[in-house]
Amino acid sequence: MAQHNIQGQEGENTASEYLIQKGYQILHRNWRSGHKELDIVAQKENTIIFVEVKTRKNTLFGSPQDAVNDKKIRRIISSADAYIKYYKIDNPIRFDIISIITDEGNKMIEHIEEAFYPPIW
């Protein structure tokens, strides 16, 4: 497995553990439907949370969350729409980003709740 894939998988493990400690229930990890993918789908109280996880070794090329651009947001929203339809979800939803920097063995986690809203197409 490529190093960036290993780093991404470790980041998703860290994010899942973090969310569980904060009282979230993990519903799915790496949920896929065709080419659509969601890193983490969690639930807290009655809200379904779609979590995009970005992991970097440092901030040399910017913060991890900076990689969540408009194109990525559209893909996440499209994937969330497929998930909602597949599971017939009628709960409130939100989109979060968990940014993880693993600089020299230290892990810095930033949880950005309501990181973005679905744009109107």
PDB file of N, CA and C in Angstrom:
ATOM      1  N   MET A   1       0.855  -1.177   0.000  1.00  0.00           N
ATOM      2  CA  MET A   1       0.000   0.000   0.000  1.00  0.00           C
ATOM      3  C   MET A   1       0.899   1.237   0.000  1.00  0.00           C
ATOM      4  N   ALA A   2       0.538   2.237  -0.791  1.00  0.00           N
ATOM      5  CA  ALA A   2       1.325   3.468  -0.888  1.00  0.00           C
ATOM      6  C   ALA A   2       1.304   4.220   0.441  1.00  0.00           C
ATOM      7  N   GLN A   3       2.388   4.951   0.713  1.00  0.00           N
ATOM      8  CA  GLN A   3       2.542   5.672   1.978  1.00  0.00           C
ATOM      9  C   GLN A   3       1.386   6.642   2.221  1.00  0.00           C
ATOM     10  N   HIS A   4       0.936   7.353   1.168  1.00  0.00           N
ATOM     11  CA  HIS A   4      -0.160   8.307   1.379  1.00  0.00           C
ATOM     12  C   HIS A   4      -1.460   7.591   1.733  1.00  0.00           C
ATOM     13  N   ASN A   5      -1.643   6.367   1.231  1.00  0.00           N
ATOM     14  CA  ASN A   5      -2.834   5.590   1.595  1.00  0.00           C
ATOM     15  C   ASN A   5      -2.765   5.129   3.045  1.00  0.00           C
ATOM     16  N   ILE A   6      -1.571   4.733   3.471  1.00  0.00           N
ATOM     17  CA  ILE A   6      -1.383   4.319   4.870  1.00  0.00           C
ATOM     18  C   ILE A   6      -1.642   5.509   5.787  1.00  0.00           C
ATOM     19  N   GLN A   7      -1.093   6.663   5.423  1.00  0.00           N
ATOM     20  CA  GLN A   7      -1.290   7.878   6.218  1.00  0.00           C
ATOM     21  C   GLN A   7      -2.771   8.245   6.284  1.00  0.00           C
ATOM     22  N   GLY A   8      -3.460   8.133   5.162  1.00  0.00           N
ATOM     23  CA  GLY A   8      -4.891   8.435   5.139  1.00  0.00           C
ATOM     24  C   GLY A   8      -5.691   7.486   6.004  1.00  0.00           C
ATOM     25  N   GLN A   9      -5.338   6.204   5.949  1.00  0.00           N
ATOM     26  CA  GLN A   9      -6.033   5.199   6.766  1.00  0.00           C
ATOM     27  C   GLN A   9      -5.789   5.448   8.256  1.00  0.00           C
ATOM     28  N   GLU A  10      -4.548   5.787   8.607  1.00  0.00           N
ATOM     29  CA  GLU A  10      -4.241   6.103  10.006  1.00  0.00           C
ATOM     30  C   GLU A  10      -5.007   7.345  10.455  1.00  0.00           C
ATOM     31  N   GLY A  11      -5.120   8.328   9.564  1.00  0.00           N
ATOM     32  CA  GLY A  11      -5.882   9.531   9.883  1.00  0.00           C
ATOM     33  C   GLY A  11      -7.349   9.226  10.134  1.00  0.00           C
ATOM     34  N   GLU A  12      -7.917   8.346   9.312  1.00  0.00           N
ATOM     35  CA  GLU A  12      -9.324   7.976   9.509  1.00  0.00           C
ATOM     36  C   GLU A  12      -9.512   7.196  10.806  1.00  0.00           C
ATOM     37  N   ASN A  13      -8.532   6.366  11.169  1.00  0.00           N
ATOM     38  CA  ASN A  13      -8.589   5.668  12.461  1.00  0.00           C
ATOM     39  C   ASN A  13      -8.569   6.676  13.605  1.00  0.00           C
ATOM     40  N   THR A  14      -7.670   7.641  13.524  1.00  0.00           N
ATOM     41  CA  THR A  14      -7.565   8.682  14.553  1.00  0.00           C
ATOM     42  C   THR A  14      -8.857   9.479  14.642  1.00  0.00           C
ATOM     43  N   ALA A  15      -9.406   9.854  13.488  1.00  0.00           N
ATOM     44  CA  ALA A  15     -10.650  10.631  13.463  1.00  0.00           C
ATOM     45  C   ALA A  15     -11.808   9.839  14.066  1.00  0.00           C
ATOM     46  N   SER A  16     -11.891   8.561  13.744  1.00  0.00           N
ATOM     47  CA  SER A  16     -12.965   7.718  14.299  1.00  0.00           C
ATOM     48  C   SER A  16     -12.855   7.631  15.814  1.00  0.00           C
ATOM     49  N   GLU A  17     -11.646   7.393  16.312  1.00  0.00           N
ATOM     50  CA  GLU A  17     -11.439   7.325  17.765  1.00  0.00           C
ATOM     51  C   GLU A  17     -11.816   8.649  18.428  1.00  0.00           C
ATOM     52  N   TYR A  18     -11.416   9.740  17.811  1.00  0.00           N
ATOM     53  CA  TYR A  18     -11.736  11.078  18.327  1.00  0.00           C
ATOM     54  C   TYR A  18     -13.254  11.259  18.416  1.00  0.00           C
ATOM     55  N   LEU A  19     -13.961  10.925  17.337  1.00  0.00           N
ATOM     56  CA  LEU A  19     -15.411  11.094  17.313  1.00  0.00           C
ATOM     57  C   LEU A  19     -16.098  10.231  18.374  1.00  0.00           C
ATOM     58  N   ILE A  20     -15.660   9.001  18.516  1.00  0.00           N
ATOM     59  CA  ILE A  20     -16.241   8.106  19.522  1.00  0.00           C
ATOM     60  C   ILE A  20     -16.057   8.703  20.916  1.00  0.00           C
ATOM     61  N   GLN A  21     -14.860   9.237  21.185  1.00  0.00           N
ATOM     62  CA  GLN A  21     -14.601   9.868  22.490  1.00  0.00           C
ATOM     63  C   GLN A  21     -15.501  11.077  22.725  1.00  0.00           C
ATOM     64  N   LYS A  22     -15.923  11.730  21.649  1.00  0.00           N
ATOM     65  CA  LYS A  22     -16.789  12.904  21.751  1.00  0.00           C
ATOM     66  C   LYS A  22     -18.270  12.538  21.751  1.00  0.00           C
ATOM     67  N   GLY A  23     -18.581  11.237  21.790  1.00  0.00           N
ATOM     68  CA  GLY A  23     -19.972  10.806  21.896  1.00  0.00           C
ATOM     69  C   GLY A  23     -20.674  10.531  20.580  1.00  0.00           C
ATOM     70  N   TYR A  24     -19.931  10.465  19.488  1.00  0.00           N
ATOM     71  CA  TYR A  24     -20.518  10.153  18.189  1.00  0.00           C
ATOM     72  C   TYR A  24     -20.579   8.639  18.008  1.00  0.00           C
ATOM     73  N   GLN A  25     -21.541   8.199  17.255  1.00  0.00           N
ATOM     74  CA  GLN A  25     -21.644   6.797  16.851  1.00  0.00           C
ATOM     75  C   GLN A  25     -21.181   6.721  15.404  1.00  0.00           C
ATOM     76  N   ILE A  26     -20.242   5.848  15.115  1.00  0.00           N
ATOM     77  CA  ILE A  26     -19.764   5.676  13.742  1.00  0.00           C
ATOM     78  C   ILE A  26     -20.713   4.718  13.030  1.00  0.00           C
ATOM     79  N   LEU A  27     -21.340   5.190  11.968  1.00  0.00           N
ATOM     80  CA  LEU A  27     -22.259   4.356  11.198  1.00  0.00           C
ATOM     81  C   LEU A  27     -21.524   3.616  10.081  1.00  0.00           C
ATOM     82  N   HIS A  28     -20.644   4.333   9.393  1.00  0.00           N
ATOM     83  CA  HIS A  28     -19.879   3.725   8.296  1.00  0.00           C
ATOM     84  C   HIS A  28     -18.526   4.417   8.168  1.00  0.00           C
ATOM     85  N   ARG A  29     -17.550   3.646   7.704  1.00  0.00           N
ATOM     86  CA  ARG A  29     -16.246   4.187   7.325  1.00  0.00           C
ATOM     87  C   ARG A  29     -15.979   3.750   5.895  1.00  0.00           C
ATOM     88  N   ASN A  30     -15.468   4.675   5.113  1.00  0.00           N
ATOM     89  CA  ASN A  30     -15.161   4.398   3.704  1.00  0.00           C
ATOM     90  C   ASN A  30     -16.362   3.818   2.967  1.00  0.00           C
ATOM     91  N   TRP A  31     -17.518   4.420   3.178  1.00  0.00           N
ATOM     92  CA  TRP A  31     -18.733   3.968   2.493  1.00  0.00           C
ATOM     93  C   TRP A  31     -18.596   4.284   1.007  1.00  0.00           C
ATOM     94  N   ARG A  32     -18.929   3.305   0.184  1.00  0.00           N
ATOM     95  CA  ARG A  32     -18.800   3.474  -1.262  1.00  0.00           C
ATOM     96  C   ARG A  32     -20.076   3.043  -1.971  1.00  0.00           C
ATOM     97  N   SER A  33     -20.317   3.752  -3.066  1.00  0.00           N
ATOM     98  CA  SER A  33     -21.379   3.386  -3.987  1.00  0.00           C
ATOM     99  C   SER A  33     -20.883   3.796  -5.369  1.00  0.00           C
ATOM    100  N   GLY A  34     -20.430   2.829  -6.136  1.00  0.00           N
ATOM    101  CA  GLY A  34     -19.814   3.149  -7.429  1.00  0.00           C
ATOM    102  C   GLY A  34     -18.547   3.950  -7.191  1.00  0.00           C
ATOM    103  N   HIS A  35     -18.478   5.132  -7.795  1.00  0.00           N
ATOM    104  CA  HIS A  35     -17.311   6.001  -7.624  1.00  0.00           C
ATOM    105  C   HIS A  35     -17.493   6.972  -6.463  1.00  0.00           C
ATOM    106  N   LYS A  36     -18.605   6.896  -5.794  1.00  0.00           N
ATOM    107  CA  LYS A  36     -18.884   7.802  -4.682  1.00  0.00           C
ATOM    108  C   LYS A  36     -18.309   7.206  -3.395  1.00  0.00           C
ATOM    109  N   GLU A  37     -17.718   8.081  -2.558  1.00  0.00           N
ATOM    110  CA  GLU A  37     -17.126   7.604  -1.313  1.00  0.00           C
ATOM    111  C   GLU A  37     -17.270   8.652  -0.221  1.00  0.00           C
ATOM    112  N   LEU A  38     -17.522   8.175   0.988  1.00  0.00           N
ATOM    113  CA  LEU A  38     -17.561   9.020   2.171  1.00  0.00           C
ATOM    114  C   LEU A  38     -16.571   8.460   3.186  1.00  0.00           C
ATOM    115  N   ASP A  39     -15.728   9.321   3.755  1.00  0.00           N
ATOM    116  CA  ASP A  39     -14.721   8.850   4.706  1.00  0.00           C
ATOM    117  C   ASP A  39     -15.380   8.261   5.953  1.00  0.00           C
ATOM    118  N   ILE A  40     -16.188   9.078   6.625  1.00  0.00           N
ATOM    119  CA  ILE A  40     -16.864   8.636   7.849  1.00  0.00           C
ATOM    120  C   ILE A  40     -18.294   9.170   7.830  1.00  0.00           C
ATOM    121  N   VAL A  41     -19.232   8.306   8.176  1.00  0.00           N
ATOM    122  CA  VAL A  41     -20.609   8.735   8.413  1.00  0.00           C
ATOM    123  C   VAL A  41     -20.866   8.439   9.882  1.00  0.00           C
ATOM    124  N   ALA A  42     -21.214   9.484  10.615  1.00  0.00           N
ATOM    125  CA  ALA A  42     -21.424   9.346  12.055  1.00  0.00           C
ATOM    126  C   ALA A  42     -22.798   9.888  12.416  1.00  0.00           C
ATOM    127  N   GLN A  43     -23.192   9.618  13.648  1.00  0.00           N
ATOM    128  CA  GLN A  43     -24.450  10.151  14.158  1.00  0.00           C
ATOM    129  C   GLN A  43     -24.219  10.630  15.572  1.00  0.00           C
ATOM    130  N   LYS A  44     -24.774  11.786  15.865  1.00  0.00           N
ATOM    131  CA  LYS A  44     -24.792  12.296  17.230  1.00  0.00           C
ATOM    132  C   LYS A  44     -26.181  12.845  17.470  1.00  0.00           C
ATOM    133  N   GLU A  45     -26.797  12.304  18.503  1.00  0.00           N
ATOM    134  CA  GLU A  45     -28.195  12.600  18.777  1.00  0.00           C
ATOM    135  C   GLU A  45     -28.988  12.228  17.527  1.00  0.00           C
ATOM    136  N   ASN A  46     -29.679  13.146  16.930  1.00  0.00           N
ATOM    137  CA  ASN A  46     -30.523  12.809  15.787  1.00  0.00           C
ATOM    138  C   ASN A  46     -29.897  13.234  14.456  1.00  0.00           C
ATOM    139  N   THR A  47     -28.688  13.782  14.489  1.00  0.00           N
ATOM    140  CA  THR A  47     -28.064  14.340  13.293  1.00  0.00           C
ATOM    141  C   THR A  47     -27.088  13.347  12.657  1.00  0.00           C
ATOM    142  N   ILE A  48     -27.166  13.227  11.348  1.00  0.00           N
ATOM    143  CA  ILE A  48     -26.209  12.428  10.578  1.00  0.00           C
ATOM    144  C   ILE A  48     -25.095  13.373  10.132  1.00  0.00           C
ATOM    145  N   ILE A  49     -23.848  12.984  10.384  1.00  0.00           N
ATOM    146  CA  ILE A  49     -22.706  13.826  10.070  1.00  0.00           C
ATOM    147  C   ILE A  49     -21.822  13.114   9.055  1.00  0.00           C
ATOM    148  N   PHE A  50     -21.581  13.794   7.941  1.00  0.00           N
ATOM    149  CA  PHE A  50     -20.670  13.292   6.918  1.00  0.00           C
ATOM    150  C   PHE A  50     -19.331  13.972   7.169  1.00  0.00           C
ATOM    151  N   VAL A  51     -18.315  13.155   7.463  1.00  0.00           N
ATOM    152  CA  VAL A  51     -17.024  13.687   7.882  1.00  0.00           C
ATOM    153  C   VAL A  51     -15.964  13.402   6.821  1.00  0.00           C
ATOM    154  N   GLU A  52     -15.365  14.459   6.326  1.00  0.00           N
ATOM    155  CA  GLU A  52     -14.222  14.335   5.419  1.00  0.00           C
ATOM    156  C   GLU A  52     -12.957  14.453   6.272  1.00  0.00           C
ATOM    157  N   VAL A  53     -12.065  13.479   6.138  1.00  0.00           N
ATOM    158  CA  VAL A  53     -10.842  13.453   6.933  1.00  0.00           C
ATOM    159  C   VAL A  53      -9.664  13.794   6.028  1.00  0.00           C
ATOM    160  N   LYS A  54      -8.872  14.764   6.447  1.00  0.00           N
ATOM    161  CA  LYS A  54      -7.671  15.148   5.713  1.00  0.00           C
ATOM    162  C   LYS A  54      -6.481  15.064   6.656  1.00  0.00           C
ATOM    163  N   THR A  55      -5.481  14.298   6.249  1.00  0.00           N
ATOM    164  CA  THR A  55      -4.298  14.069   7.074  1.00  0.00           C
ATOM    165  C   THR A  55      -3.055  14.506   6.308  1.00  0.00           C
ATOM    166  N   ARG A  56      -2.186  15.235   6.986  1.00  0.00           N
ATOM    167  CA  ARG A  56      -0.921  15.678   6.402  1.00  0.00           C
ATOM    168  C   ARG A  56       0.194  15.507   7.438  1.00  0.00           C
ATOM    169  N   LYS A  57       1.416  15.414   6.948  1.00  0.00           N
ATOM    170  CA  LYS A  57       2.572  15.322   7.846  1.00  0.00           C
ATOM    171  C   LYS A  57       2.948  16.683   8.411  1.00  0.00           C
ATOM    172  N   ASN A  58       2.646  17.739   7.662  1.00  0.00           N
ATOM    173  CA  ASN A  58       2.967  19.095   8.102  1.00  0.00           C
ATOM    174  C   ASN A  58       2.100  20.075   7.321  1.00  0.00           C
ATOM    175  N   THR A  59       2.332  21.354   7.548  1.00  0.00           N
ATOM    176  CA  THR A  59       1.533  22.369   6.855  1.00  0.00           C
ATOM    177  C   THR A  59       2.352  23.086   5.784  1.00  0.00           C
ATOM    178  N   LEU A  60       3.404  22.450   5.316  1.00  0.00           N
ATOM    179  CA  LEU A  60       4.271  23.032   4.298  1.00  0.00           C
ATOM    180  C   LEU A  60       3.483  23.489   3.067  1.00  0.00           C
ATOM    181  N   PHE A  61       2.488  22.718   2.679  1.00  0.00           N
ATOM    182  CA  PHE A  61       1.671  23.053   1.509  1.00  0.00           C
ATOM    183  C   PHE A  61       0.274  23.516   1.908  1.00  0.00           C
ATOM    184  N   GLY A  62       0.124  24.023   3.113  1.00  0.00           N
ATOM    185  CA  GLY A  62      -1.158  24.515   3.587  1.00  0.00           C
ATOM    186  C   GLY A  62      -1.791  23.562   4.593  1.00  0.00           C
ATOM    187  N   SER A  63      -2.869  24.008   5.173  1.00  0.00           N
ATOM    188  CA  SER A  63      -3.602  23.192   6.145  1.00  0.00           C
ATOM    189  C   SER A  63      -4.317  22.055   5.424  1.00  0.00           C
ATOM    190  N   PRO A  64      -4.486  20.922   6.087  1.00  0.00           N
ATOM    191  CA  PRO A  64      -5.179  19.797   5.435  1.00  0.00           C
ATOM    192  C   PRO A  64      -6.557  20.161   4.901  1.00  0.00           C
ATOM    193  N   GLN A  65      -7.299  20.949   5.653  1.00  0.00           N
ATOM    194  CA  GLN A  65      -8.664  21.288   5.224  1.00  0.00           C
ATOM    195  C   GLN A  65      -8.674  22.144   3.963  1.00  0.00           C
ATOM    196  N   ASP A  66      -7.544  22.765   3.625  1.00  0.00           N
ATOM    197  CA  ASP A  66      -7.477  23.556   2.393  1.00  0.00           C
ATOM    198  C   ASP A  66      -7.657  22.680   1.152  1.00  0.00           C
ATOM    199  N   ALA A  67      -7.419  21.370   1.293  1.00  0.00           N
ATOM    200  CA  ALA A  67      -7.584  20.439   0.169  1.00  0.00           C
ATOM    201  C   ALA A  67      -9.054  20.181  -0.148  1.00  0.00           C
ATOM    202  N   VAL A  68      -9.952  20.610   0.720  1.00  0.00           N
ATOM    203  CA  VAL A  68     -11.383  20.432   0.477  1.00  0.00           C
ATOM    204  C   VAL A  68     -11.873  21.656  -0.299  1.00  0.00           C
ATOM    205  N   ASN A  69     -11.686  21.568  -1.608  1.00  0.00           N
ATOM    206  CA  ASN A  69     -12.051  22.674  -2.494  1.00  0.00           C
ATOM    207  C   ASN A  69     -13.479  22.481  -3.012  1.00  0.00           C
ATOM    208  N   ASP A  70     -13.907  23.378  -3.885  1.00  0.00           N
ATOM    209  CA  ASP A  70     -15.285  23.320  -4.399  1.00  0.00           C
ATOM    210  C   ASP A  70     -15.582  21.995  -5.104  1.00  0.00           C
ATOM    211  N   LYS A  71     -14.641  21.509  -5.884  1.00  0.00           N
ATOM    212  CA  LYS A  71     -14.838  20.238  -6.595  1.00  0.00           C
ATOM    213  C   LYS A  71     -15.012  19.086  -5.603  1.00  0.00           C
ATOM    214  N   LYS A  72     -14.167  19.059  -4.564  1.00  0.00           N
ATOM    215  CA  LYS A  72     -14.265  18.016  -3.542  1.00  0.00           C
ATOM    216  C   LYS A  72     -15.590  18.125  -2.787  1.00  0.00           C
ATOM    217  N   ILE A  73     -16.007  19.341  -2.493  1.00  0.00           N
ATOM    218  CA  ILE A  73     -17.288  19.548  -1.790  1.00  0.00           C
ATOM    219  C   ILE A  73     -18.436  18.989  -2.621  1.00  0.00           C
ATOM    220  N   ARG A  74     -18.431  19.260  -3.926  1.00  0.00           N
ATOM    221  CA  ARG A  74     -19.491  18.726  -4.794  1.00  0.00           C
ATOM    222  C   ARG A  74     -19.493  17.196  -4.776  1.00  0.00           C
ATOM    223  N   ARG A  75     -18.318  16.576  -4.774  1.00  0.00           N
ATOM    224  CA  ARG A  75     -18.242  15.113  -4.743  1.00  0.00           C
ATOM    225  C   ARG A  75     -18.767  14.564  -3.412  1.00  0.00           C
ATOM    226  N   ILE A  76     -18.421  15.217  -2.325  1.00  0.00           N
ATOM    227  CA  ILE A  76     -18.898  14.777  -1.008  1.00  0.00           C
ATOM    228  C   ILE A  76     -20.418  14.890  -0.936  1.00  0.00           C
ATOM    229  N   ILE A  77     -20.938  15.998  -1.405  1.00  0.00           N
ATOM    230  CA  ILE A  77     -22.388  16.213  -1.366  1.00  0.00           C
ATOM    231  C   ILE A  77     -23.112  15.204  -2.250  1.00  0.00           C
ATOM    232  N   SER A  78     -22.557  14.927  -3.409  1.00  0.00           N
ATOM    233  CA  SER A  78     -23.150  13.922  -4.299  1.00  0.00           C
ATOM    234  C   SER A  78     -23.138  12.542  -3.632  1.00  0.00           C
ATOM    235  N   SER A  79     -22.048  12.216  -2.966  1.00  0.00           N
ATOM    236  CA  SER A  79     -21.954  10.936  -2.254  1.00  0.00           C
ATOM    237  C   SER A  79     -22.933  10.891  -1.088  1.00  0.00           C
ATOM    238  N   ALA A  80     -23.039  12.000  -0.360  1.00  0.00           N
ATOM    239  CA  ALA A  80     -23.986  12.063   0.757  1.00  0.00           C
ATOM    240  C   ALA A  80     -25.418  11.910   0.260  1.00  0.00           C
ATOM    241  N   ASP A  81     -25.713  12.503  -0.880  1.00  0.00           N
ATOM    242  CA  ASP A  81     -27.043  12.372  -1.471  1.00  0.00           C
ATOM    243  C   ASP A  81     -27.346  10.908  -1.787  1.00  0.00           C
ATOM    244  N   ALA A  82     -26.373  10.198  -2.350  1.00  0.00           N
ATOM    245  CA  ALA A  82     -26.552   8.770  -2.649  1.00  0.00           C
ATOM    246  C   ALA A  82     -26.775   7.984  -1.358  1.00  0.00           C
ATOM    247  N   TYR A  83     -26.018   8.315  -0.318  1.00  0.00           N
ATOM    248  CA  TYR A  83     -26.149   7.644   0.979  1.00  0.00           C
ATOM    249  C   TYR A  83     -27.548   7.881   1.557  1.00  0.00           C
ATOM    250  N   ILE A  84     -27.984   9.129   1.535  1.00  0.00           N
ATOM    251  CA  ILE A  84     -29.298   9.496   2.077  1.00  0.00           C
ATOM    252  C   ILE A  84     -30.406   8.742   1.346  1.00  0.00           C
ATOM    253  N   LYS A  85     -30.309   8.663   0.043  1.00  0.00           N
ATOM    254  CA  LYS A  85     -31.324   7.953  -0.739  1.00  0.00           C
ATOM    255  C   LYS A  85     -31.280   6.458  -0.482  1.00  0.00           C
ATOM    256  N   TYR A  86     -30.080   5.897  -0.414  1.00  0.00           N
ATOM    257  CA  TYR A  86     -29.931   4.454  -0.214  1.00  0.00           C
ATOM    258  C   TYR A  86     -30.506   4.020   1.136  1.00  0.00           C
ATOM    259  N   TYR A  87     -30.217   4.786   2.191  1.00  0.00           N
ATOM    260  CA  TYR A  87     -30.678   4.420   3.538  1.00  0.00           C
ATOM    261  C   TYR A  87     -31.978   5.118   3.940  1.00  0.00           C
ATOM    262  N   LYS A  88     -32.566   5.878   3.001  1.00  0.00           N
ATOM    263  CA  LYS A  88     -33.827   6.576   3.254  1.00  0.00           C
ATOM    264  C   LYS A  88     -33.752   7.425   4.533  1.00  0.00           C
ATOM    265  N   ILE A  89     -32.735   8.237   4.611  1.00  0.00           N
ATOM    266  CA  ILE A  89     -32.474   9.094   5.775  1.00  0.00           C
ATOM    267  C   ILE A  89     -33.406  10.299   5.737  1.00  0.00           C
ATOM    268  N   ASP A  90     -33.996  10.587   6.870  1.00  0.00           N
ATOM    269  CA  ASP A  90     -34.852  11.761   6.986  1.00  0.00           C
ATOM    270  C   ASP A  90     -34.427  12.604   8.191  1.00  0.00           C
ATOM    271  N   ASN A  91     -33.210  12.404   8.650  1.00  0.00           N
ATOM    272  CA  ASN A  91     -32.677  13.144   9.799  1.00  0.00           C
ATOM    273  C   ASN A  91     -32.000  14.428   9.320  1.00  0.00           C
ATOM    274  N   PRO A  92     -31.783  15.349  10.241  1.00  0.00           N
ATOM    275  CA  PRO A  92     -30.947  16.502   9.889  1.00  0.00           C
ATOM    276  C   PRO A  92     -29.535  16.002   9.568  1.00  0.00           C
ATOM    277  N   ILE A  93     -28.838  16.710   8.682  1.00  0.00           N
ATOM    278  CA  ILE A  93     -27.476  16.318   8.328  1.00  0.00           C
ATOM    279  C   ILE A  93     -26.550  17.519   8.460  1.00  0.00           C
ATOM    280  N   ARG A  94     -25.256  17.208   8.506  1.00  0.00           N
ATOM    281  CA  ARG A  94     -24.254  18.276   8.445  1.00  0.00           C
ATOM    282  C   ARG A  94     -22.969  17.702   7.874  1.00  0.00           C
ATOM    283  N   PHE A  95     -22.111  18.604   7.430  1.00  0.00           N
ATOM    284  CA  PHE A  95     -20.844  18.226   6.819  1.00  0.00           C
ATOM    285  C   PHE A  95     -19.705  18.803   7.658  1.00  0.00           C
ATOM    286  N   ASP A  96     -18.850  17.913   8.158  1.00  0.00           N
ATOM    287  CA  ASP A  96     -17.709  18.306   8.979  1.00  0.00           C
ATOM    288  C   ASP A  96     -16.411  17.929   8.277  1.00  0.00           C
ATOM    289  N   ILE A  97     -15.337  18.567   8.696  1.00  0.00           N
ATOM    290  CA  ILE A  97     -13.989  18.186   8.270  1.00  0.00           C
ATOM    291  C   ILE A  97     -13.180  17.936   9.529  1.00  0.00           C
ATOM    292  N   ILE A  98     -12.437  16.840   9.529  1.00  0.00           N
ATOM    293  CA  ILE A  98     -11.455  16.619  10.582  1.00  0.00           C
ATOM    294  C   ILE A  98     -10.086  16.707   9.920  1.00  0.00           C
ATOM    295  N   SER A  99      -9.302  17.652  10.402  1.00  0.00           N
ATOM    296  CA  SER A  99      -7.964  17.926   9.894  1.00  0.00           C
ATOM    297  C   SER A  99      -6.955  17.359  10.895  1.00  0.00           C
ATOM    298  N   ILE A 100      -6.038  16.544  10.390  1.00  0.00           N
ATOM    299  CA  ILE A 100      -5.040  15.918  11.262  1.00  0.00           C
ATOM    300  C   ILE A 100      -3.651  16.214  10.706  1.00  0.00           C
ATOM    301  N   ILE A 101      -2.785  16.719  11.571  1.00  0.00           N
ATOM    302  CA  ILE A 101      -1.386  16.935  11.211  1.00  0.00           C
ATOM    303  C   ILE A 101      -0.546  16.047  12.127  1.00  0.00           C
ATOM    304  N   THR A 102       0.256  15.186  11.509  1.00  0.00           N
ATOM    305  CA  THR A 102       1.099  14.248  12.262  1.00  0.00           C
ATOM    306  C   THR A 102       2.553  14.682  12.138  1.00  0.00           C
ATOM    307  N   ASP A 103       2.894  15.768  12.793  1.00  0.00           N
ATOM    308  CA  ASP A 103       4.232  16.351  12.701  1.00  0.00           C
ATOM    309  C   ASP A 103       5.153  15.715  13.733  1.00  0.00           C
ATOM    310  N   GLU A 104       6.139  14.946  13.250  1.00  0.00           N
ATOM    311  CA  GLU A 104       7.139  14.300  14.110  1.00  0.00           C
ATOM    312  C   GLU A 104       6.497  13.501  15.243  1.00  0.00           C
ATOM    313  N   GLY A 105       5.479  12.740  14.919  1.00  0.00           N
ATOM    314  CA  GLY A 105       4.846  11.870  15.903  1.00  0.00           C
ATOM    315  C   GLY A 105       3.754  12.529  16.722  1.00  0.00           C
ATOM    316  N   ASN A 106       3.677  13.835  16.707  1.00  0.00           N
ATOM    317  CA  ASN A 106       2.615  14.546  17.422  1.00  0.00           C
ATOM    318  C   ASN A 106       1.399  14.652  16.516  1.00  0.00           C
ATOM    319  N   LYS A 107       0.231  14.395  17.076  1.00  0.00           N
ATOM    320  CA  LYS A 107      -1.003  14.503  16.289  1.00  0.00           C
ATOM    321  C   LYS A 107      -1.790  15.720  16.748  1.00  0.00           C
ATOM    322  N   MET A 108      -2.055  16.601  15.785  1.00  0.00           N
ATOM    323  CA  MET A 108      -2.905  17.757  16.056  1.00  0.00           C
ATOM    324  C   MET A 108      -4.204  17.547  15.293  1.00  0.00           C
ATOM    325  N   ILE A 109      -5.309  17.544  16.029  1.00  0.00           N
ATOM    326  CA  ILE A 109      -6.623  17.289  15.440  1.00  0.00           C
ATOM    327  C   ILE A 109      -7.454  18.560  15.529  1.00  0.00           C
ATOM    328  N   GLU A 110      -8.038  18.933  14.403  1.00  0.00           N
ATOM    329  CA  GLU A 110      -8.977  20.053  14.383  1.00  0.00           C
ATOM    330  C   GLU A 110     -10.283  19.542  13.786  1.00  0.00           C
ATOM    331  N   HIS A 111     -11.360  19.675  14.547  1.00  0.00           N
ATOM    332  CA  HIS A 111     -12.684  19.240  14.099  1.00  0.00           C
ATOM    333  C   HIS A 111     -13.471  20.493  13.726  1.00  0.00           C
ATOM    334  N   ILE A 112     -13.767  20.609  12.444  1.00  0.00           N
ATOM    335  CA  ILE A 112     -14.508  21.763  11.948  1.00  0.00           C
ATOM    336  C   ILE A 112     -15.947  21.312  11.698  1.00  0.00           C
ATOM    337  N   GLU A 113     -16.820  21.658  12.638  1.00  0.00           N
ATOM    338  CA  GLU A 113     -18.232  21.305  12.496  1.00  0.00           C
ATOM    339  C   GLU A 113     -18.882  22.273  11.519  1.00  0.00           C
ATOM    340  N   GLU A 114     -19.837  21.753  10.759  1.00  0.00           N
ATOM    341  CA  GLU A 114     -20.527  22.562   9.744  1.00  0.00           C
ATOM    342  C   GLU A 114     -19.510  23.294   8.865  1.00  0.00           C
ATOM    343  N   ALA A 115     -18.553  22.527   8.357  1.00  0.00           N
ATOM    344  CA  ALA A 115     -17.456  23.088   7.564  1.00  0.00           C
ATOM    345  C   ALA A 115     -17.951  23.706   6.259  1.00  0.00           C
ATOM    346  N   PHE A 116     -19.013  23.164   5.729  1.00  0.00           N
ATOM    347  CA  PHE A 116     -19.608  23.713   4.503  1.00  0.00           C
ATOM    348  C   PHE A 116     -21.056  23.289   4.423  1.00  0.00           C
ATOM    349  N   TYR A 117     -21.782  23.988   3.587  1.00  0.00           N
ATOM    350  CA  TYR A 117     -23.191  23.682   3.346  1.00  0.00           C
ATOM    351  C   TYR A 117     -23.353  23.304   1.886  1.00  0.00           C
ATOM    352  N   PRO A 118     -24.321  22.478   1.579  1.00  0.00           N
ATOM    353  CA  PRO A 118     -24.535  22.127   0.166  1.00  0.00           C
ATOM    354  C   PRO A 118     -24.850  23.371  -0.643  1.00  0.00           C
ATOM    355  N   PRO A 119     -24.109  23.580  -1.738  1.00  0.00           N
ATOM    356  CA  PRO A 119     -24.429  24.735  -2.580  1.00  0.00           C
ATOM    357  C   PRO A 119     -25.732  24.497  -3.342  1.00  0.00           C
ATOM    358  N   ILE A 120     -26.331  25.538  -3.770  1.00  0.00           N
ATOM    359  CA  ILE A 120     -27.553  25.436  -4.569  1.00  0.00           C
ATOM    360  C   ILE A 120     -27.112  25.367  -6.015  1.00  0.00           C
ATOM    361  N   TRP A 121     -27.497  24.263  -6.691  1.00  0.00           N
ATOM    362  CA  TRP A 121     -27.105  24.081  -8.100  1.00  0.00           C
ATOM    363  C   TRP A 121     -28.154  24.621  -9.009  1.00  0.00           C
TER     364      TRP A 121
END
